[in-house]
Amino acid sequence: MTAAPADFARARSEFLSIDTPRVEDGAAIWRIARDSEVLDLNSSYSYLLWCRDFAATSAVARGEDGEPIAFVTGYIRPDRPETLVVWQVAVDQAHRGKGLAATLLDALTARVAADQGLSCVETTITPDNTASDRLFTSYAQRHDVPLEQEVLFDGGLFPEGTHLPEVLYRIGPFAG
């Protein structure tokens, strides 16, 4: 990977620190996801579990008061242990437009690469989510790696019948 940011646990800027989520962050992360109005909102319980079981493959940005202002959640694919699947990325409304999502994504992938190796990043995005499309397209460009897209789940597979297709973005492979 190229352009690795400063040490993940100590990444700083004028307005944040980045680290791994703690269980106590689950409620704030749930609220940020809810207030995004674009993410599929999971149960509050699932965010608590995520902060416990997938903290090593997730990240939070904290404001001056130490409270989460943004997050990225991810997990390692069981059948592809060098692939990080990014589940959700969200930034609190008051902190949008500052490049925070890209900073978090770069910090998380640098950390996962250092800890266990990383060949690819995957995520799914609905066709109407232009912000996520820009985030992951620019991520691939910054790291000078290929980006492939294909429909992973057709909208008709979802029980509510109104869900747009989920397009898989496969980014990588990263240079060793």
N, C-alpha and C. Protein backbone atom coordinates (compact mmCIF):
# COMPACT_ATOMS: atom_id res chain seq x y z
N MET A 1 0.84 -1.18 0.00
CA MET A 1 0.00 0.00 0.00
C MET A 1 0.88 1.24 0.00
N THR A 2 0.40 2.28 -0.59
CA THR A 2 1.13 3.54 -0.62
C THR A 2 0.46 4.55 0.30
N ALA A 3 1.16 5.61 0.58
CA ALA A 3 0.64 6.75 1.33
C ALA A 3 0.06 6.35 2.68
N ALA A 4 0.77 5.51 3.42
CA ALA A 4 0.30 5.10 4.74
C ALA A 4 0.31 6.30 5.68
N PRO A 5 -0.79 6.54 6.41
CA PRO A 5 -0.84 7.66 7.33
C PRO A 5 -0.01 7.40 8.57
N ALA A 6 0.08 8.40 9.41
CA ALA A 6 0.80 8.27 10.68
C ALA A 6 0.20 7.11 11.48
N ASP A 7 0.90 6.68 12.47
CA ASP A 7 0.46 5.57 13.31
C ASP A 7 -1.03 5.68 13.61
N PHE A 8 -1.76 4.59 13.34
CA PHE A 8 -3.21 4.56 13.46
C PHE A 8 -3.68 5.06 14.83
N ALA A 9 -3.10 4.56 15.88
CA ALA A 9 -3.56 4.91 17.22
C ALA A 9 -3.27 6.36 17.57
N ARG A 10 -2.38 6.99 16.84
CA ARG A 10 -2.01 8.36 17.17
C ARG A 10 -2.31 9.34 16.05
N ALA A 11 -3.05 8.89 15.03
CA ALA A 11 -3.36 9.78 13.91
C ALA A 11 -4.11 10.99 14.46
N ARG A 12 -3.67 12.15 14.12
CA ARG A 12 -4.26 13.38 14.66
C ARG A 12 -4.42 14.41 13.56
N SER A 13 -5.33 15.29 13.77
CA SER A 13 -5.44 16.50 12.97
C SER A 13 -5.92 17.58 13.92
N GLU A 14 -6.29 18.71 13.37
CA GLU A 14 -6.75 19.80 14.22
C GLU A 14 -8.06 19.47 14.93
N PHE A 15 -8.82 18.52 14.38
CA PHE A 15 -10.16 18.30 14.90
C PHE A 15 -10.46 16.88 15.33
N LEU A 16 -9.50 15.98 15.30
CA LEU A 16 -9.85 14.61 15.63
C LEU A 16 -8.68 13.77 16.08
N SER A 17 -9.05 12.64 16.63
CA SER A 17 -8.10 11.55 16.82
C SER A 17 -8.79 10.31 16.26
N ILE A 18 -8.02 9.37 15.82
CA ILE A 18 -8.56 8.15 15.23
C ILE A 18 -8.07 6.97 16.05
N ASP A 19 -9.00 6.09 16.41
CA ASP A 19 -8.61 4.87 17.10
C ASP A 19 -9.66 3.79 16.86
N THR A 20 -9.51 2.68 17.56
CA THR A 20 -10.48 1.59 17.43
C THR A 20 -11.69 1.90 18.29
N PRO A 21 -12.87 1.44 17.85
CA PRO A 21 -14.06 1.69 18.66
C PRO A 21 -14.07 0.83 19.92
N ARG A 22 -14.74 1.36 20.92
CA ARG A 22 -14.98 0.63 22.17
C ARG A 22 -16.48 0.36 22.28
N VAL A 23 -16.86 -0.62 23.06
CA VAL A 23 -18.27 -0.95 23.23
C VAL A 23 -19.07 0.31 23.60
N GLU A 24 -18.49 1.14 24.43
CA GLU A 24 -19.18 2.36 24.86
C GLU A 24 -19.48 3.31 23.70
N ASP A 25 -18.84 3.11 22.55
CA ASP A 25 -19.07 3.96 21.38
C ASP A 25 -20.27 3.49 20.55
N GLY A 26 -20.78 2.30 20.84
CA GLY A 26 -21.84 1.72 20.01
C GLY A 26 -23.05 2.61 19.84
N ALA A 27 -23.51 3.23 20.91
CA ALA A 27 -24.71 4.08 20.82
C ALA A 27 -24.45 5.30 19.94
N ALA A 28 -23.29 5.92 20.09
CA ALA A 28 -22.97 7.09 19.27
C ALA A 28 -22.82 6.71 17.80
N ILE A 29 -22.22 5.56 17.54
CA ILE A 29 -22.07 5.10 16.16
C ILE A 29 -23.44 4.82 15.55
N TRP A 30 -24.33 4.20 16.32
CA TRP A 30 -25.69 3.95 15.85
C TRP A 30 -26.38 5.27 15.49
N ARG A 31 -26.24 6.29 16.36
CA ARG A 31 -26.86 7.59 16.08
C ARG A 31 -26.29 8.23 14.82
N ILE A 32 -24.97 8.15 14.63
CA ILE A 32 -24.36 8.71 13.41
C ILE A 32 -24.91 8.00 12.18
N ALA A 33 -25.03 6.68 12.25
CA ALA A 33 -25.59 5.90 11.13
C ALA A 33 -27.05 6.30 10.88
N ARG A 34 -27.83 6.40 11.95
CA ARG A 34 -29.23 6.79 11.81
C ARG A 34 -29.37 8.17 11.18
N ASP A 35 -28.58 9.10 11.67
CA ASP A 35 -28.69 10.49 11.22
C ASP A 35 -28.12 10.70 9.82
N SER A 36 -27.38 9.72 9.30
CA SER A 36 -26.84 9.85 7.95
C SER A 36 -27.95 9.87 6.91
N GLU A 37 -29.04 9.21 7.21
CA GLU A 37 -30.22 9.12 6.34
C GLU A 37 -29.93 8.43 5.00
N VAL A 38 -28.76 7.82 4.86
CA VAL A 38 -28.47 7.06 3.64
C VAL A 38 -28.08 5.62 3.93
N LEU A 39 -27.58 5.35 5.12
CA LEU A 39 -27.17 3.98 5.45
C LEU A 39 -28.37 3.13 5.81
N ASP A 40 -28.28 1.83 5.52
CA ASP A 40 -29.24 0.89 6.07
C ASP A 40 -28.93 0.80 7.56
N LEU A 41 -29.88 1.20 8.39
CA LEU A 41 -29.65 1.23 9.83
C LEU A 41 -29.82 -0.16 10.42
N ASN A 42 -28.79 -0.61 11.10
CA ASN A 42 -28.85 -1.87 11.82
C ASN A 42 -29.38 -1.61 13.23
N SER A 43 -29.67 -2.66 13.97
CA SER A 43 -30.15 -2.47 15.35
C SER A 43 -29.04 -1.87 16.21
N SER A 44 -29.43 -1.18 17.25
CA SER A 44 -28.42 -0.60 18.16
C SER A 44 -27.57 -1.71 18.77
N TYR A 45 -28.17 -2.86 19.01
CA TYR A 45 -27.44 -4.00 19.54
C TYR A 45 -26.31 -4.41 18.60
N SER A 46 -26.57 -4.40 17.29
CA SER A 46 -25.53 -4.82 16.35
C SER A 46 -24.32 -3.89 16.39
N TYR A 47 -24.53 -2.60 16.63
CA TYR A 47 -23.40 -1.68 16.71
C TYR A 47 -22.58 -1.93 17.97
N LEU A 48 -23.25 -2.32 19.07
CA LEU A 48 -22.51 -2.70 20.28
C LEU A 48 -21.65 -3.93 20.00
N LEU A 49 -22.25 -4.94 19.35
CA LEU A 49 -21.49 -6.14 19.01
C LEU A 49 -20.34 -5.81 18.07
N TRP A 50 -20.60 -4.94 17.10
CA TRP A 50 -19.56 -4.58 16.14
C TRP A 50 -18.36 -3.98 16.87
N CYS A 51 -18.65 -3.09 17.83
CA CYS A 51 -17.56 -2.45 18.59
C CYS A 51 -16.81 -3.44 19.47
N ARG A 52 -17.45 -4.52 19.83
CA ARG A 52 -16.77 -5.55 20.62
C ARG A 52 -16.03 -6.54 19.73
N ASP A 53 -16.72 -7.09 18.72
CA ASP A 53 -16.18 -8.21 17.96
C ASP A 53 -15.37 -7.83 16.74
N PHE A 54 -15.58 -6.64 16.20
CA PHE A 54 -14.88 -6.22 14.99
C PHE A 54 -14.13 -4.90 15.18
N ALA A 55 -13.78 -4.59 16.40
CA ALA A 55 -13.05 -3.34 16.67
C ALA A 55 -11.71 -3.30 15.94
N ALA A 56 -11.06 -4.43 15.81
CA ALA A 56 -9.73 -4.47 15.17
C ALA A 56 -9.80 -4.12 13.69
N THR A 57 -10.98 -4.25 13.08
CA THR A 57 -11.13 -3.94 11.66
C THR A 57 -12.11 -2.78 11.45
N SER A 58 -12.21 -1.94 12.46
CA SER A 58 -13.07 -0.76 12.40
C SER A 58 -12.32 0.42 12.98
N ALA A 59 -12.85 1.61 12.76
CA ALA A 59 -12.19 2.82 13.26
C ALA A 59 -13.23 3.88 13.60
N VAL A 60 -12.89 4.71 14.57
CA VAL A 60 -13.71 5.88 14.89
C VAL A 60 -12.83 7.11 14.90
N ALA A 61 -13.42 8.21 14.50
CA ALA A 61 -12.78 9.52 14.66
C ALA A 61 -13.47 10.18 15.85
N ARG A 62 -12.68 10.78 16.70
CA ARG A 62 -13.22 11.41 17.90
C ARG A 62 -13.03 12.91 17.85
N GLY A 63 -14.03 13.62 18.35
CA GLY A 63 -13.93 15.06 18.47
C GLY A 63 -13.12 15.43 19.68
N GLU A 64 -13.04 16.71 19.94
CA GLU A 64 -12.26 17.21 21.08
C GLU A 64 -12.73 16.64 22.40
N ASP A 65 -14.04 16.32 22.51
CA ASP A 65 -14.57 15.78 23.76
C ASP A 65 -14.39 14.27 23.87
N GLY A 66 -13.78 13.65 22.86
CA GLY A 66 -13.54 12.22 22.88
C GLY A 66 -14.69 11.39 22.35
N GLU A 67 -15.80 12.02 22.00
CA GLU A 67 -16.95 11.30 21.47
C GLU A 67 -16.79 11.03 19.98
N PRO A 68 -17.30 9.90 19.49
CA PRO A 68 -17.22 9.60 18.06
C PRO A 68 -17.93 10.65 17.21
N ILE A 69 -17.27 11.06 16.13
CA ILE A 69 -17.87 11.99 15.17
C ILE A 69 -17.94 11.34 13.78
N ALA A 70 -17.32 10.19 13.63
CA ALA A 70 -17.34 9.45 12.37
C ALA A 70 -16.86 8.03 12.65
N PHE A 71 -17.23 7.12 11.74
CA PHE A 71 -16.78 5.75 11.92
C PHE A 71 -16.69 5.05 10.58
N VAL A 72 -15.92 4.00 10.56
CA VAL A 72 -15.90 3.03 9.46
C VAL A 72 -15.86 1.66 10.12
N THR A 73 -16.78 0.78 9.69
CA THR A 73 -16.81 -0.57 10.22
C THR A 73 -16.42 -1.54 9.11
N GLY A 74 -15.72 -2.58 9.48
CA GLY A 74 -15.29 -3.56 8.51
C GLY A 74 -15.02 -4.90 9.15
N TYR A 75 -14.77 -5.87 8.31
CA TYR A 75 -14.42 -7.21 8.78
C TYR A 75 -13.57 -7.89 7.72
N ILE A 76 -12.86 -8.91 8.13
CA ILE A 76 -12.05 -9.71 7.21
C ILE A 76 -12.93 -10.83 6.67
N ARG A 77 -12.92 -11.00 5.35
CA ARG A 77 -13.71 -12.07 4.75
C ARG A 77 -13.15 -13.42 5.18
N PRO A 78 -13.98 -14.28 5.74
CA PRO A 78 -13.48 -15.58 6.19
C PRO A 78 -12.82 -16.41 5.09
N ASP A 79 -13.35 -16.33 3.87
CA ASP A 79 -12.78 -17.13 2.78
C ASP A 79 -11.67 -16.41 2.03
N ARG A 80 -11.41 -15.16 2.36
CA ARG A 80 -10.32 -14.37 1.77
C ARG A 80 -9.67 -13.54 2.87
N PRO A 81 -8.79 -14.12 3.66
CA PRO A 81 -8.25 -13.45 4.84
C PRO A 81 -7.39 -12.23 4.57
N GLU A 82 -7.10 -11.92 3.32
CA GLU A 82 -6.38 -10.68 3.01
C GLU A 82 -7.30 -9.64 2.39
N THR A 83 -8.63 -9.83 2.57
CA THR A 83 -9.62 -8.89 2.04
C THR A 83 -10.39 -8.27 3.19
N LEU A 84 -10.35 -6.95 3.26
CA LEU A 84 -11.13 -6.19 4.23
C LEU A 84 -12.42 -5.77 3.56
N VAL A 85 -13.55 -6.15 4.15
CA VAL A 85 -14.85 -5.70 3.67
C VAL A 85 -15.26 -4.50 4.52
N VAL A 86 -15.46 -3.37 3.88
CA VAL A 86 -15.92 -2.17 4.59
C VAL A 86 -17.44 -2.22 4.60
N TRP A 87 -18.00 -2.26 5.80
CA TRP A 87 -19.44 -2.43 5.97
C TRP A 87 -20.15 -1.09 5.90
N GLN A 88 -19.76 -0.14 6.72
CA GLN A 88 -20.39 1.17 6.72
C GLN A 88 -19.36 2.25 7.01
N VAL A 89 -19.61 3.43 6.43
CA VAL A 89 -18.82 4.62 6.69
C VAL A 89 -19.80 5.76 6.89
N ALA A 90 -19.65 6.50 7.96
CA ALA A 90 -20.54 7.64 8.18
C ALA A 90 -19.81 8.72 8.98
N VAL A 91 -20.15 9.96 8.67
CA VAL A 91 -19.58 11.13 9.34
C VAL A 91 -20.75 11.96 9.87
N ASP A 92 -20.63 12.41 11.11
CA ASP A 92 -21.64 13.27 11.69
C ASP A 92 -21.81 14.52 10.83
N GLN A 93 -23.05 14.97 10.71
CA GLN A 93 -23.38 16.10 9.83
C GLN A 93 -22.46 17.30 10.05
N ALA A 94 -22.15 17.63 11.28
CA ALA A 94 -21.35 18.82 11.59
C ALA A 94 -19.90 18.71 11.12
N HIS A 95 -19.47 17.51 10.75
CA HIS A 95 -18.06 17.29 10.39
C HIS A 95 -17.88 16.84 8.94
N ARG A 96 -18.93 16.92 8.15
CA ARG A 96 -18.84 16.50 6.75
C ARG A 96 -18.12 17.55 5.91
N GLY A 97 -17.60 17.09 4.77
CA GLY A 97 -16.96 18.01 3.83
C GLY A 97 -15.53 18.36 4.17
N LYS A 98 -14.93 17.63 5.11
CA LYS A 98 -13.56 17.91 5.54
C LYS A 98 -12.60 16.78 5.20
N GLY A 99 -13.07 15.79 4.45
CA GLY A 99 -12.20 14.67 4.09
C GLY A 99 -12.05 13.64 5.18
N LEU A 100 -12.91 13.69 6.18
CA LEU A 100 -12.78 12.80 7.33
C LEU A 100 -13.02 11.33 6.95
N ALA A 101 -13.97 11.05 6.09
CA ALA A 101 -14.23 9.66 5.69
C ALA A 101 -13.00 9.07 5.00
N ALA A 102 -12.37 9.85 4.12
CA ALA A 102 -11.16 9.37 3.43
C ALA A 102 -10.02 9.16 4.42
N THR A 103 -9.87 10.07 5.37
CA THR A 103 -8.83 9.93 6.39
C THR A 103 -9.03 8.66 7.20
N LEU A 104 -10.27 8.41 7.60
CA LEU A 104 -10.58 7.20 8.37
C LEU A 104 -10.30 5.94 7.56
N LEU A 105 -10.73 5.93 6.30
CA LEU A 105 -10.52 4.76 5.45
C LEU A 105 -9.04 4.49 5.24
N ASP A 106 -8.26 5.54 4.98
CA ASP A 106 -6.82 5.38 4.83
C ASP A 106 -6.17 4.85 6.11
N ALA A 107 -6.56 5.40 7.25
CA ALA A 107 -5.99 4.97 8.53
C ALA A 107 -6.33 3.52 8.82
N LEU A 108 -7.59 3.15 8.60
CA LEU A 108 -7.99 1.77 8.88
C LEU A 108 -7.26 0.79 7.97
N THR A 109 -7.21 1.05 6.68
CA THR A 109 -6.57 0.09 5.79
C THR A 109 -5.07 0.00 6.03
N ALA A 110 -4.45 1.11 6.39
CA ALA A 110 -3.02 1.07 6.73
C ALA A 110 -2.80 0.20 7.97
N ARG A 111 -3.68 0.32 8.93
CA ARG A 111 -3.57 -0.46 10.16
C ARG A 111 -3.77 -1.95 9.90
N VAL A 112 -4.81 -2.28 9.14
CA VAL A 112 -5.08 -3.69 8.83
C VAL A 112 -3.92 -4.26 8.01
N ALA A 113 -3.40 -3.50 7.07
CA ALA A 113 -2.26 -3.96 6.26
C ALA A 113 -1.05 -4.24 7.14
N ALA A 114 -0.80 -3.37 8.11
CA ALA A 114 0.35 -3.56 8.99
C ALA A 114 0.15 -4.74 9.93
N ASP A 115 -1.08 -4.94 10.40
CA ASP A 115 -1.35 -5.99 11.38
C ASP A 115 -1.44 -7.39 10.78
N GLN A 116 -2.04 -7.50 9.60
CA GLN A 116 -2.29 -8.85 9.09
C GLN A 116 -2.16 -8.98 7.58
N GLY A 117 -1.72 -7.94 6.92
CA GLY A 117 -1.62 -7.99 5.47
C GLY A 117 -2.94 -7.63 4.83
N LEU A 118 -2.87 -7.05 3.66
CA LEU A 118 -4.09 -6.62 2.98
C LEU A 118 -3.83 -6.67 1.48
N SER A 119 -4.66 -7.42 0.79
CA SER A 119 -4.55 -7.50 -0.65
C SER A 119 -5.63 -6.67 -1.34
N CYS A 120 -6.85 -6.71 -0.79
CA CYS A 120 -7.97 -6.02 -1.41
C CYS A 120 -8.89 -5.41 -0.36
N VAL A 121 -9.64 -4.41 -0.79
CA VAL A 121 -10.72 -3.84 -0.01
C VAL A 121 -11.98 -4.04 -0.83
N GLU A 122 -13.05 -4.47 -0.17
CA GLU A 122 -14.34 -4.61 -0.83
C GLU A 122 -15.39 -3.82 -0.06
N THR A 123 -16.38 -3.35 -0.78
CA THR A 123 -17.55 -2.72 -0.18
C THR A 123 -18.67 -2.85 -1.19
N THR A 124 -19.89 -2.61 -0.74
CA THR A 124 -21.01 -2.54 -1.68
C THR A 124 -21.64 -1.16 -1.57
N ILE A 125 -22.11 -0.67 -2.71
CA ILE A 125 -22.68 0.67 -2.79
C ILE A 125 -23.90 0.60 -3.71
N THR A 126 -24.97 1.25 -3.30
CA THR A 126 -26.14 1.34 -4.18
C THR A 126 -25.88 2.42 -5.23
N PRO A 127 -26.47 2.27 -6.41
CA PRO A 127 -26.19 3.22 -7.50
C PRO A 127 -26.52 4.68 -7.19
N ASP A 128 -27.38 4.93 -6.23
CA ASP A 128 -27.74 6.31 -5.90
C ASP A 128 -26.83 6.95 -4.86
N ASN A 129 -25.87 6.22 -4.33
CA ASN A 129 -25.00 6.74 -3.26
C ASN A 129 -23.73 7.33 -3.87
N THR A 130 -23.87 8.55 -4.36
CA THR A 130 -22.74 9.19 -5.05
C THR A 130 -21.59 9.52 -4.10
N ALA A 131 -21.89 9.83 -2.84
CA ALA A 131 -20.82 10.14 -1.89
C ALA A 131 -19.92 8.93 -1.67
N SER A 132 -20.51 7.75 -1.49
CA SER A 132 -19.70 6.55 -1.29
C SER A 132 -18.95 6.17 -2.56
N ASP A 133 -19.60 6.35 -3.71
CA ASP A 133 -18.91 6.08 -4.97
C ASP A 133 -17.67 6.95 -5.08
N ARG A 134 -17.80 8.24 -4.78
CA ARG A 134 -16.64 9.15 -4.83
C ARG A 134 -15.57 8.75 -3.82
N LEU A 135 -15.98 8.39 -2.60
CA LEU A 135 -15.03 8.01 -1.56
C LEU A 135 -14.18 6.81 -2.00
N PHE A 136 -14.81 5.75 -2.49
CA PHE A 136 -14.06 4.55 -2.83
C PHE A 136 -13.34 4.66 -4.16
N THR A 137 -13.89 5.41 -5.09
CA THR A 137 -13.18 5.65 -6.36
C THR A 137 -11.93 6.47 -6.10
N SER A 138 -12.03 7.49 -5.28
CA SER A 138 -10.84 8.31 -4.98
C SER A 138 -9.84 7.52 -4.14
N TYR A 139 -10.32 6.62 -3.28
CA TYR A 139 -9.42 5.76 -2.51
C TYR A 139 -8.55 4.92 -3.46
N ALA A 140 -9.20 4.29 -4.45
CA ALA A 140 -8.46 3.48 -5.42
C ALA A 140 -7.45 4.34 -6.19
N GLN A 141 -7.84 5.54 -6.56
CA GLN A 141 -6.93 6.43 -7.28
C GLN A 141 -5.76 6.85 -6.41
N ARG A 142 -6.02 7.22 -5.14
CA ARG A 142 -4.94 7.62 -4.23
C ARG A 142 -3.91 6.52 -4.04
N HIS A 143 -4.38 5.29 -4.01
CA HIS A 143 -3.49 4.16 -3.77
C HIS A 143 -3.03 3.49 -5.06
N ASP A 144 -3.45 4.06 -6.18
CA ASP A 144 -3.02 3.60 -7.51
C ASP A 144 -3.23 2.10 -7.69
N VAL A 145 -4.45 1.66 -7.40
CA VAL A 145 -4.82 0.25 -7.55
C VAL A 145 -6.10 0.15 -8.37
N PRO A 146 -6.32 -0.99 -9.00
CA PRO A 146 -7.52 -1.18 -9.81
C PRO A 146 -8.80 -1.16 -8.97
N LEU A 147 -9.88 -0.77 -9.60
CA LEU A 147 -11.21 -0.81 -9.00
C LEU A 147 -12.13 -1.52 -9.98
N GLU A 148 -12.71 -2.63 -9.54
CA GLU A 148 -13.67 -3.38 -10.35
C GLU A 148 -15.04 -3.25 -9.70
N GLN A 149 -16.08 -3.19 -10.53
CA GLN A 149 -17.45 -3.10 -10.04
C GLN A 149 -18.31 -4.15 -10.71
N GLU A 150 -19.18 -4.78 -9.92
CA GLU A 150 -20.17 -5.71 -10.44
C GLU A 150 -21.32 -5.80 -9.45
N VAL A 151 -22.51 -6.07 -9.94
CA VAL A 151 -23.66 -6.22 -9.04
C VAL A 151 -23.45 -7.47 -8.20
N LEU A 152 -23.48 -7.29 -6.89
CA LEU A 152 -23.35 -8.43 -5.98
C LEU A 152 -24.72 -8.98 -5.60
N PHE A 153 -25.63 -8.08 -5.22
CA PHE A 153 -26.98 -8.47 -4.84
C PHE A 153 -27.97 -7.63 -5.63
N ASP A 154 -28.74 -8.27 -6.48
CA ASP A 154 -29.79 -7.59 -7.22
C ASP A 154 -30.85 -7.10 -6.23
N GLY A 155 -31.46 -5.98 -6.53
CA GLY A 155 -32.47 -5.41 -5.65
C GLY A 155 -33.62 -6.36 -5.34
N GLY A 156 -33.96 -7.24 -6.28
CA GLY A 156 -35.05 -8.18 -6.07
C GLY A 156 -34.78 -9.22 -5.00
N LEU A 157 -33.54 -9.37 -4.58
CA LEU A 157 -33.22 -10.34 -3.52
C LEU A 157 -33.63 -9.86 -2.13
N PHE A 158 -33.83 -8.56 -1.98
CA PHE A 158 -34.16 -8.00 -0.67
C PHE A 158 -35.66 -8.15 -0.40
N PRO A 159 -36.03 -8.51 0.81
CA PRO A 159 -37.43 -8.81 1.10
C PRO A 159 -38.37 -7.60 0.98
N GLU A 160 -37.88 -6.41 1.17
CA GLU A 160 -38.77 -5.24 1.11
C GLU A 160 -39.16 -4.88 -0.32
N GLY A 161 -38.46 -5.42 -1.31
CA GLY A 161 -38.84 -5.23 -2.69
C GLY A 161 -38.54 -3.88 -3.29
N THR A 162 -38.03 -2.96 -2.53
CA THR A 162 -37.74 -1.61 -3.04
C THR A 162 -36.26 -1.27 -2.93
N HIS A 163 -35.44 -2.22 -2.59
CA HIS A 163 -34.02 -1.97 -2.39
C HIS A 163 -33.32 -1.91 -3.74
N LEU A 164 -32.44 -0.95 -3.89
CA LEU A 164 -31.62 -0.88 -5.10
C LEU A 164 -30.57 -1.98 -5.06
N PRO A 165 -30.00 -2.33 -6.22
CA PRO A 165 -28.94 -3.33 -6.21
C PRO A 165 -27.74 -2.86 -5.40
N GLU A 166 -27.03 -3.81 -4.81
CA GLU A 166 -25.78 -3.52 -4.11
C GLU A 166 -24.65 -3.88 -5.07
N VAL A 167 -23.88 -2.87 -5.46
CA VAL A 167 -22.78 -3.05 -6.40
C VAL A 167 -21.50 -3.28 -5.61
N LEU A 168 -20.82 -4.38 -5.89
CA LEU A 168 -19.56 -4.70 -5.23
C LEU A 168 -18.45 -3.87 -5.87
N TYR A 169 -17.71 -3.16 -5.03
CA TYR A 169 -16.50 -2.46 -5.43
C TYR A 169 -15.33 -3.28 -4.89
N ARG A 170 -14.51 -3.81 -5.76
CA ARG A 170 -13.33 -4.57 -5.35
C ARG A 170 -12.11 -3.72 -5.70
N ILE A 171 -11.37 -3.32 -4.68
CA ILE A 171 -10.22 -2.41 -4.85
C ILE A 171 -8.95 -3.18 -4.54
N GLY A 172 -8.05 -3.23 -5.48
CA GLY A 172 -6.80 -3.95 -5.31
C GLY A 172 -6.54 -4.83 -6.51
N PRO A 173 -5.51 -5.60 -6.47
CA PRO A 173 -4.64 -5.86 -5.33
C PRO A 173 -3.64 -4.75 -5.09
N PHE A 174 -3.28 -4.60 -3.81
CA PHE A 174 -2.26 -3.65 -3.41
C PHE A 174 -0.89 -4.25 -3.65
N ALA A 175 0.06 -3.41 -3.96
CA ALA A 175 1.44 -3.87 -4.14
C ALA A 175 2.00 -4.27 -2.78
N GLY A 176 2.80 -5.30 -2.74
CA GLY A 176 3.36 -5.82 -1.49
C GLY A 176 4.35 -4.98 -0.90
